[in-house]
PDB file of all heavy atoms in Angstrom:
ATOM      1  N   THR A   1      85.250  80.624 105.318  1.00  0.00           N
ATOM      2  CA  THR A   1      84.497  81.793 104.850  1.00  0.00           C
ATOM      3  C   THR A   1      83.347  82.083 105.803  1.00  0.00           C
ATOM      4  O   THR A   1      83.074  83.246 106.111  1.00  0.00           O
ATOM      5  CB  THR A   1      83.972  81.555 103.421  1.00  0.00           C
ATOM      6  OG1 THR A   1      85.088  81.267 102.563  1.00  0.00           O
ATOM      7  CG2 THR A   1      83.236  82.765 102.889  1.00  0.00           C
ATOM      8  N   THR A   2      82.706  81.049 106.294  1.00  0.00           N
ATOM      9  CA  THR A   2      81.617  81.231 107.253  1.00  0.00           C
ATOM     10  C   THR A   2      82.134  81.900 108.519  1.00  0.00           C
ATOM     11  O   THR A   2      81.484  82.798 109.068  1.00  0.00           O
ATOM     12  CB  THR A   2      80.962  79.882 107.602  1.00  0.00           C
ATOM     13  OG1 THR A   2      80.457  79.290 106.403  1.00  0.00           O
ATOM     14  CG2 THR A   2      79.835  80.045 108.601  1.00  0.00           C
ATOM     15  N   GLY A   3      83.304  81.478 108.974  1.00  0.00           N
ATOM     16  CA  GLY A   3      83.899  82.085 110.158  1.00  0.00           C
ATOM     17  C   GLY A   3      84.164  83.563 109.961  1.00  0.00           C
ATOM     18  O   GLY A   3      83.871  84.392 110.829  1.00  0.00           O
ATOM     19  N   LEU A   4      84.728  83.931 108.796  1.00  0.00           N
ATOM     20  CA  LEU A   4      84.996  85.334 108.510  1.00  0.00           C
ATOM     21  C   LEU A   4      83.699  86.116 108.413  1.00  0.00           C
ATOM     22  O   LEU A   4      83.595  87.231 108.937  1.00  0.00           O
ATOM     23  CB  LEU A   4      85.809  85.481 107.217  1.00  0.00           C
ATOM     24  CG  LEU A   4      86.094  86.909 106.779  1.00  0.00           C
ATOM     25  CD1 LEU A   4      86.803  87.716 107.874  1.00  0.00           C
ATOM     26  CD2 LEU A   4      86.906  86.930 105.497  1.00  0.00           C
ATOM     27  N   ASN A   5      82.706  85.546 107.762  1.00  0.00           N
ATOM     28  CA  ASN A   5      81.412  86.209 107.661  1.00  0.00           C
ATOM     29  C   ASN A   5      80.845  86.491 109.047  1.00  0.00           C
ATOM     30  O   ASN A   5      80.353  87.593 109.313  1.00  0.00           O
ATOM     31  CB  ASN A   5      80.447  85.354 106.835  1.00  0.00           C
ATOM     32  CG  ASN A   5      79.102  86.020 106.680  1.00  0.00           C
ATOM     33  OD1 ASN A   5      78.249  85.913 107.556  1.00  0.00           O
ATOM     34  ND2 ASN A   5      78.913  86.696 105.568  1.00  0.00           N
ATOM     35  N   ASN A   6      80.912  85.516 109.928  1.00  0.00           N
ATOM     36  CA  ASN A   6      80.409  85.695 111.293  1.00  0.00           C
ATOM     37  C   ASN A   6      81.186  86.776 112.046  1.00  0.00           C
ATOM     38  O   ASN A   6      80.610  87.565 112.794  1.00  0.00           O
ATOM     39  CB  ASN A   6      80.456  84.384 112.072  1.00  0.00           C
ATOM     40  CG  ASN A   6      79.424  83.391 111.601  1.00  0.00           C
ATOM     41  OD1 ASN A   6      78.409  83.756 111.002  1.00  0.00           O
ATOM     42  ND2 ASN A   6      79.676  82.119 111.838  1.00  0.00           N
ATOM     43  N   ILE A   7      82.499  86.816 111.841  1.00  0.00           N
ATOM     44  CA  ILE A   7      83.325  87.838 112.490  1.00  0.00           C
ATOM     45  C   ILE A   7      82.937  89.221 111.989  1.00  0.00           C
ATOM     46  O   ILE A   7      82.711  90.144 112.776  1.00  0.00           O
ATOM     47  CB  ILE A   7      84.829  87.569 112.233  1.00  0.00           C
ATOM     48  CG1 ILE A   7      85.281  86.309 112.966  1.00  0.00           C
ATOM     49  CG2 ILE A   7      85.677  88.780 112.662  1.00  0.00           C
ATOM     50  CD1 ILE A   7      86.650  85.797 112.539  1.00  0.00           C
ATOM     51  N   GLU A   8      82.841  89.387 110.675  1.00  0.00           N
ATOM     52  CA  GLU A   8      82.521  90.692 110.104  1.00  0.00           C
ATOM     53  C   GLU A   8      81.131  91.171 110.491  1.00  0.00           C
ATOM     54  O   GLU A   8      80.901  92.373 110.604  1.00  0.00           O
ATOM     55  CB  GLU A   8      82.680  90.680 108.581  1.00  0.00           C
ATOM     56  CG  GLU A   8      84.121  90.676 108.142  1.00  0.00           C
ATOM     57  CD  GLU A   8      84.296  90.988 106.669  1.00  0.00           C
ATOM     58  OE1 GLU A   8      83.295  91.164 105.946  1.00  0.00           O
ATOM     59  OE2 GLU A   8      85.457  91.066 106.236  1.00  0.00           O
ATOM     60  N   ARG A   9      80.205  90.266 110.689  1.00  0.00           N
ATOM     61  CA  ARG A   9      78.850  90.637 111.099  1.00  0.00           C
ATOM     62  C   ARG A   9      78.751  90.870 112.603  1.00  0.00           C
ATOM     63  O   ARG A   9      77.733  91.339 113.100  1.00  0.00           O
ATOM     64  CB  ARG A   9      77.841  89.549 110.707  1.00  0.00           C
ATOM     65  CG  ARG A   9      77.581  89.454 109.237  1.00  0.00           C
ATOM     66  CD  ARG A   9      76.478  88.456 108.892  1.00  0.00           C
ATOM     67  NE  ARG A   9      76.777  87.104 109.344  1.00  0.00           N
ATOM     68  CZ  ARG A   9      76.116  86.449 110.312  1.00  0.00           C
ATOM     69  NH1 ARG A   9      75.110  87.012 110.928  1.00  0.00           N
ATOM     70  NH2 ARG A   9      76.467  85.231 110.656  1.00  0.00           N
ATOM     71  N   GLY A  10      79.811  90.535 113.335  1.00  0.00           N
ATOM     72  CA  GLY A  10      79.774  90.680 114.787  1.00  0.00           C
ATOM     73  C   GLY A  10      79.013  89.562 115.463  1.00  0.00           C
ATOM     74  O   GLY A  10      78.626  89.669 116.624  1.00  0.00           O
ATOM     75  N   ALA A  11      78.799  88.459 114.726  1.00  0.00           N
ATOM     76  CA  ALA A  11      78.019  87.339 115.250  1.00  0.00           C
ATOM     77  C   ALA A  11      78.881  86.360 116.051  1.00  0.00           C
ATOM     78  O   ALA A  11      78.350  85.429 116.655  1.00  0.00           O
ATOM     79  CB  ALA A  11      77.327  86.595 114.109  1.00  0.00           C
ATOM     80  N   SER A  12      80.199  86.559 116.031  1.00  0.00           N
ATOM     81  CA  SER A  12      81.069  85.695 116.818  1.00  0.00           C
ATOM     82  C   SER A  12      82.172  86.535 117.440  1.00  0.00           C
ATOM     83  O   SER A  12      82.476  87.639 116.974  1.00  0.00           O
ATOM     84  CB  SER A  12      81.678  84.583 115.949  1.00  0.00           C
ATOM     85  OG  SER A  12      82.603  85.123 115.033  1.00  0.00           O
ATOM     86  N   ASP A  13      82.756  86.015 118.490  1.00  0.00           N
ATOM     87  CA  ASP A  13      83.849  86.677 119.192  1.00  0.00           C
ATOM     88  C   ASP A  13      85.128  85.924 118.833  1.00  0.00           C
ATOM     89  O   ASP A  13      85.416  84.889 119.421  1.00  0.00           O
ATOM     90  CB  ASP A  13      83.574  86.641 120.698  1.00  0.00           C
ATOM     91  CG  ASP A  13      84.585  87.438 121.491  1.00  0.00           C
ATOM     92  OD1 ASP A  13      85.255  88.308 120.905  1.00  0.00           O
ATOM     93  OD2 ASP A  13      84.705  87.194 122.702  1.00  0.00           O
ATOM     94  N   PRO A  14      85.886  86.442 117.853  1.00  0.00           N
ATOM     95  CA  PRO A  14      87.052  85.698 117.370  1.00  0.00           C
ATOM     96  C   PRO A  14      88.182  85.634 118.386  1.00  0.00           C
ATOM     97  O   PRO A  14      88.359  86.543 119.203  1.00  0.00           O
ATOM     98  CB  PRO A  14      87.481  86.481 116.138  1.00  0.00           C
ATOM     99  CG  PRO A  14      86.998  87.860 116.388  1.00  0.00           C
ATOM    100  CD  PRO A  14      85.725  87.708 117.168  1.00  0.00           C
ATOM    101  N   LYS A  15      88.926  84.549 118.308  1.00  0.00           N
ATOM    102  CA  LYS A  15      90.127  84.404 119.135  1.00  0.00           C
ATOM    103  C   LYS A  15      91.164  85.411 118.660  1.00  0.00           C
ATOM    104  O   LYS A  15      91.174  85.822 117.504  1.00  0.00           O
ATOM    105  CB  LYS A  15      90.707  82.996 118.987  1.00  0.00           C
ATOM    106  CG  LYS A  15      89.847  81.896 119.515  1.00  0.00           C
ATOM    107  CD  LYS A  15      90.534  80.570 119.278  1.00  0.00           C
ATOM    108  CE  LYS A  15      89.693  79.417 119.784  1.00  0.00           C
ATOM    109  NZ  LYS A  15      90.347  78.130 119.535  1.00  0.00           N
ATOM    110  N   ALA A  16      92.072  85.760 119.554  1.00  0.00           N
ATOM    111  CA  ALA A  16      93.156  86.677 119.207  1.00  0.00           C
ATOM    112  C   ALA A  16      93.985  86.105 118.067  1.00  0.00           C
ATOM    113  O   ALA A  16      94.411  86.838 117.161  1.00  0.00           O
ATOM    114  CB  ALA A  16      94.026  86.963 120.421  1.00  0.00           C
ATOM    115  N   SER A  17      94.184  84.798 118.061  1.00  0.00           N
ATOM    116  CA  SER A  17      94.991  84.172 117.001  1.00  0.00           C
ATOM    117  C   SER A  17      94.313  84.292 115.638  1.00  0.00           C
ATOM    118  O   SER A  17      94.985  84.436 114.615  1.00  0.00           O
ATOM    119  CB  SER A  17      95.268  82.707 117.332  1.00  0.00           C
ATOM    120  OG  SER A  17      94.059  81.986 117.465  1.00  0.00           O
ATOM    121  N   THR A  18      92.993  84.270 115.608  1.00  0.00           N
ATOM    122  CA  THR A  18      92.258  84.424 114.355  1.00  0.00           C
ATOM    123  C   THR A  18      92.400  85.847 113.834  1.00  0.00           C
ATOM    124  O   THR A  18      92.654  86.064 112.647  1.00  0.00           O
ATOM    125  CB  THR A  18      90.774  84.063 114.539  1.00  0.00           C
ATOM    126  OG1 THR A  18      90.681  82.711 114.985  1.00  0.00           O
ATOM    127  CG2 THR A  18      89.988  84.237 113.243  1.00  0.00           C
ATOM    128  N   LEU A  19      92.245  86.828 114.723  1.00  0.00           N
ATOM    129  CA  LEU A  19      92.413  88.221 114.317  1.00  0.00           C
ATOM    130  C   LEU A  19      93.836  88.485 113.850  1.00  0.00           C
ATOM    131  O   LEU A  19      94.060  89.220 112.895  1.00  0.00           O
ATOM    132  CB  LEU A  19      92.038  89.166 115.463  1.00  0.00           C
ATOM    133  CG  LEU A  19      90.553  89.252 115.793  1.00  0.00           C
ATOM    134  CD1 LEU A  19      90.334  90.144 117.003  1.00  0.00           C
ATOM    135  CD2 LEU A  19      89.754  89.749 114.600  1.00  0.00           C
ATOM    136  N   ARG A  20      94.797  87.855 114.515  1.00  0.00           N
ATOM    137  CA  ARG A  20      96.199  88.008 114.130  1.00  0.00           C
ATOM    138  C   ARG A  20      96.422  87.434 112.720  1.00  0.00           C
ATOM    139  O   ARG A  20      97.100  88.042 111.890  1.00  0.00           O
ATOM    140  CB  ARG A  20      97.103  87.323 115.145  1.00  0.00           C
ATOM    141  CG  ARG A  20      98.480  87.902 115.257  1.00  0.00           C
ATOM    142  CD  ARG A  20      99.304  87.416 116.441  1.00  0.00           C
ATOM    143  NE  ARG A  20      98.893  86.203 117.139  1.00  0.00           N
ATOM    144  CZ  ARG A  20      98.202  86.191 118.287  1.00  0.00           C
ATOM    145  NH1 ARG A  20      97.847  87.312 118.871  1.00  0.00           N
ATOM    146  NH2 ARG A  20      97.866  85.055 118.853  1.00  0.00           N
ATOM    147  N   ALA A  21      95.825  86.280 112.438  1.00  0.00           N
ATOM    148  CA  ALA A  21      95.957  85.661 111.111  1.00  0.00           C
ATOM    149  C   ALA A  21      95.326  86.546 110.033  1.00  0.00           C
ATOM    150  O   ALA A  21      95.888  86.703 108.946  1.00  0.00           O
ATOM    151  CB  ALA A  21      95.305  84.277 111.105  1.00  0.00           C
ATOM    152  N   LEU A  22      94.196  87.142 110.338  1.00  0.00           N
ATOM    153  CA  LEU A  22      93.545  88.044 109.391  1.00  0.00           C
ATOM    154  C   LEU A  22      94.398  89.291 109.162  1.00  0.00           C
ATOM    155  O   LEU A  22      94.592  89.727 108.029  1.00  0.00           O
ATOM    156  CB  LEU A  22      92.150  88.430 109.886  1.00  0.00           C
ATOM    157  CG  LEU A  22      91.109  87.317 109.805  1.00  0.00           C
ATOM    158  CD1 LEU A  22      89.899  87.648 110.658  1.00  0.00           C
ATOM    159  CD2 LEU A  22      90.705  87.086 108.343  1.00  0.00           C
ATOM    160  N   GLN A  23      94.930  89.859 110.242  1.00  0.00           N
ATOM    161  CA  GLN A  23      95.772  91.038 110.123  1.00  0.00           C
ATOM    162  C   GLN A  23      97.014  90.726 109.293  1.00  0.00           C
ATOM    163  O   GLN A  23      97.396  91.504 108.411  1.00  0.00           O
ATOM    164  CB  GLN A  23      96.175  91.566 111.496  1.00  0.00           C
ATOM    165  CG  GLN A  23      97.023  92.822 111.419  1.00  0.00           C
ATOM    166  CD  GLN A  23      97.274  93.462 112.775  1.00  0.00           C
ATOM    167  OE1 GLN A  23      96.618  93.159 113.758  1.00  0.00           O
ATOM    168  NE2 GLN A  23      98.237  94.364 112.821  1.00  0.00           N
ATOM    169  N   GLU A  24      97.640  89.602 109.543  1.00  0.00           N
ATOM    170  CA  GLU A  24      98.844  89.223 108.794  1.00  0.00           C
ATOM    171  C   GLU A  24      98.530  89.022 107.310  1.00  0.00           C
ATOM    172  O   GLU A  24      99.310  89.421 106.444  1.00  0.00           O
ATOM    173  CB  GLU A  24      99.467  87.967 109.397  1.00  0.00           C
ATOM    174  CG  GLU A  24     100.120  88.226 110.744  1.00  0.00           C
ATOM    175  CD  GLU A  24     100.568  86.964 111.460  1.00  0.00           C
ATOM    176  OE1 GLU A  24     100.410  85.853 110.905  1.00  0.00           O
ATOM    177  OE2 GLU A  24     101.071  87.096 112.585  1.00  0.00           O
ATOM    178  N   ALA A  25      97.379  88.430 107.010  1.00  0.00           N
ATOM    179  CA  ALA A  25      96.984  88.225 105.618  1.00  0.00           C
ATOM    180  C   ALA A  25      96.742  89.565 104.927  1.00  0.00           C
ATOM    181  O   ALA A  25      97.138  89.760 103.771  1.00  0.00           O
ATOM    182  CB  ALA A  25      95.735  87.352 105.543  1.00  0.00           C
ATOM    183  N   LEU A  26      96.113  90.491 105.630  1.00  0.00           N
ATOM    184  CA  LEU A  26      95.851  91.815 105.063  1.00  0.00           C
ATOM    185  C   LEU A  26      97.149  92.595 104.868  1.00  0.00           C
ATOM    186  O   LEU A  26      97.334  93.267 103.853  1.00  0.00           O
ATOM    187  CB  LEU A  26      94.874  92.587 105.943  1.00  0.00           C
ATOM    188  CG  LEU A  26      93.444  92.053 105.937  1.00  0.00           C
ATOM    189  CD1 LEU A  26      92.644  92.641 107.094  1.00  0.00           C
ATOM    190  CD2 LEU A  26      92.765  92.335 104.603  1.00  0.00           C
ATOM    191  N   GLU A  27      98.054  92.496 105.828  1.00  0.00           N
ATOM    192  CA  GLU A  27      99.341  93.177 105.706  1.00  0.00           C
ATOM    193  C   GLU A  27     100.148  92.602 104.543  1.00  0.00           C
ATOM    194  O   GLU A  27     100.781  93.350 103.789  1.00  0.00           O
ATOM    195  CB  GLU A  27     100.118  93.089 107.015  1.00  0.00           C
ATOM    196  CG  GLU A  27      99.523  93.954 108.111  1.00  0.00           C
ATOM    197  CD  GLU A  27     100.149  93.759 109.474  1.00  0.00           C
ATOM    198  OE1 GLU A  27     100.767  92.697 109.722  1.00  0.00           O
ATOM    199  OE2 GLU A  27     100.002  94.669 110.297  1.00  0.00           O
ATOM    200  N   ALA A  28     100.115  91.292 104.375  1.00  0.00           N
ATOM    201  CA  ALA A  28     100.829  90.658 103.263  1.00  0.00           C
ATOM    202  C   ALA A  28     100.260  91.095 101.911  1.00  0.00           C
ATOM    203  O   ALA A  28     100.972  91.140 100.915  1.00  0.00           O
ATOM    204  CB  ALA A  28     100.762  89.136 103.393  1.00  0.00           C
ATOM    205  N   ALA A  29      98.975  91.454 101.912  1.00  0.00           N
ATOM    206  CA  ALA A  29      98.318  91.891 100.683  1.00  0.00           C
ATOM    207  C   ALA A  29      98.505  93.386 100.423  1.00  0.00           C
ATOM    208  O   ALA A  29      98.083  93.887  99.377  1.00  0.00           O
ATOM    209  CB  ALA A  29      96.830  91.551 100.739  1.00  0.00           C
ATOM    210  N   GLY A  30      99.118  94.108 101.374  1.00  0.00           N
ATOM    211  CA  GLY A  30      99.420  95.512 101.127  1.00  0.00           C
ATOM    212  C   GLY A  30      98.784  96.525 102.046  1.00  0.00           C
ATOM    213  O   GLY A  30      98.839  97.726 101.773  1.00  0.00           O
ATOM    214  N   ILE A  31      98.193  96.096 103.136  1.00  0.00           N
ATOM    215  CA  ILE A  31      97.572  97.027 104.083  1.00  0.00           C
ATOM    216  C   ILE A  31      98.557  97.368 105.196  1.00  0.00           C
ATOM    217  O   ILE A  31      99.293  96.507 105.671  1.00  0.00           O
ATOM    218  CB  ILE A  31      96.286  96.415 104.696  1.00  0.00           C
ATOM    219  CG1 ILE A  31      95.195  96.308 103.642  1.00  0.00           C
ATOM    220  CG2 ILE A  31      95.805  97.211 105.907  1.00  0.00           C
ATOM    221  CD1 ILE A  31      94.625  97.627 103.146  1.00  0.00           C
ATOM    222  N   ILE A  32      98.543  98.631 105.608  1.00  0.00           N
ATOM    223  CA  ILE A  32      99.301  99.069 106.777  1.00  0.00           C
ATOM    224  C   ILE A  32      98.301  99.557 107.813  1.00  0.00           C
ATOM    225  O   ILE A  32      97.431 100.386 107.515  1.00  0.00           O
ATOM    226  CB  ILE A  32     100.280 100.203 106.411  1.00  0.00           C
ATOM    227  CG1 ILE A  32     101.344  99.683 105.443  1.00  0.00           C
ATOM    228  CG2 ILE A  32     100.913 100.803 107.670  1.00  0.00           C
ATOM    229  CD1 ILE A  32     102.268 100.743 104.920  1.00  0.00           C
ATOM    230  N   PHE A  33      98.404  99.025 109.004  1.00  0.00           N
ATOM    231  CA  PHE A  33      97.565  99.459 110.118  1.00  0.00           C
ATOM    232  C   PHE A  33      98.344 100.519 110.882  1.00  0.00           C
ATOM    233  O   PHE A  33      99.462 100.272 111.322  1.00  0.00           O
ATOM    234  CB  PHE A  33      97.206  98.278 111.024  1.00  0.00           C
ATOM    235  CG  PHE A  33      96.313  97.281 110.345  1.00  0.00           C
ATOM    236  CD1 PHE A  33      96.842  96.208 109.656  1.00  0.00           C
ATOM    237  CD2 PHE A  33      94.937  97.441 110.369  1.00  0.00           C
ATOM    238  CE1 PHE A  33      96.024  95.300 109.003  1.00  0.00           C
ATOM    239  CE2 PHE A  33      94.113  96.541 109.719  1.00  0.00           C
ATOM    240  CZ  PHE A  33      94.652  95.466 109.036  1.00  0.00           C
ATOM    241  N   GLU A  34      97.753 101.706 110.998  1.00  0.00           N
ATOM    242  CA  GLU A  34      98.438 102.820 111.637  1.00  0.00           C
ATOM    243  C   GLU A  34      97.999 102.960 113.084  1.00  0.00           C
ATOM    244  O   GLU A  34      96.811 102.911 113.386  1.00  0.00           O
ATOM    245  CB  GLU A  34      98.164 104.104 110.863  1.00  0.00           C
ATOM    246  CG  GLU A  34      98.720 104.025 109.449  1.00  0.00           C
ATOM    247  CD  GLU A  34      98.476 105.264 108.632  1.00  0.00           C
ATOM    248  OE1 GLU A  34      97.395 105.869 108.777  1.00  0.00           O
ATOM    249  OE2 GLU A  34      99.355 105.611 107.844  1.00  0.00           O
ATOM    250  N   ALA A  35      98.970 103.148 113.956  1.00  0.00           N
ATOM    251  CA  ALA A  35      98.702 103.290 115.390  1.00  0.00           C
ATOM    252  C   ALA A  35      98.130 104.672 115.683  1.00  0.00           C
ATOM    253  O   ALA A  35      98.271 105.603 114.895  1.00  0.00           O
ATOM    254  CB  ALA A  35      99.985 103.072 116.178  1.00  0.00           C
ATOM    255  N   ALA A  36      97.519 104.806 116.846  1.00  0.00           N
ATOM    256  CA  ALA A  36      96.862 106.045 117.245  1.00  0.00           C
ATOM    257  C   ALA A  36      97.794 107.242 117.153  1.00  0.00           C
ATOM    258  O   ALA A  36      97.392 108.323 116.738  1.00  0.00           O
ATOM    259  CB  ALA A  36      96.308 105.906 118.657  1.00  0.00           C
ATOM    260  N   GLY A  37      99.048 107.097 117.512  1.00  0.00           N
ATOM    261  CA  GLY A  37      99.981 108.204 117.481  1.00  0.00           C
ATOM    262  C   GLY A  37     100.282 108.722 116.088  1.00  0.00           C
ATOM    263  O   GLY A  37     100.763 109.830 115.915  1.00  0.00           O
ATOM    264  N   GLN A  38      99.963 107.919 115.070  1.00  0.00           N
ATOM    265  CA  GLN A  38     100.240 108.308 113.693  1.00  0.00           C
ATOM    266  C   GLN A  38      99.054 109.021 113.041  1.00  0.00           C
ATOM    267  O   GLN A  38      99.189 109.576 111.971  1.00  0.00           O
ATOM    268  CB  GLN A  38     100.597 107.074 112.868  1.00  0.00           C
ATOM    269  CG  GLN A  38     101.878 106.398 113.331  1.00  0.00           C
ATOM    270  CD  GLN A  38     102.100 105.086 112.627  1.00  0.00           C
ATOM    271  OE1 GLN A  38     101.284 104.174 112.731  1.00  0.00           O
ATOM    272  NE2 GLN A  38     103.187 104.987 111.887  1.00  0.00           N
TER     273      GLN A  38
END
């Protein structure tokens, strides 16, 4: 939770794998990330 808090506040520079894990968790919960062309 501390790691996520730091990421959301911009206090840390997350690894790509961490952002990927967050994106996958959000997608599994029902979020769709739309690309620029959409």
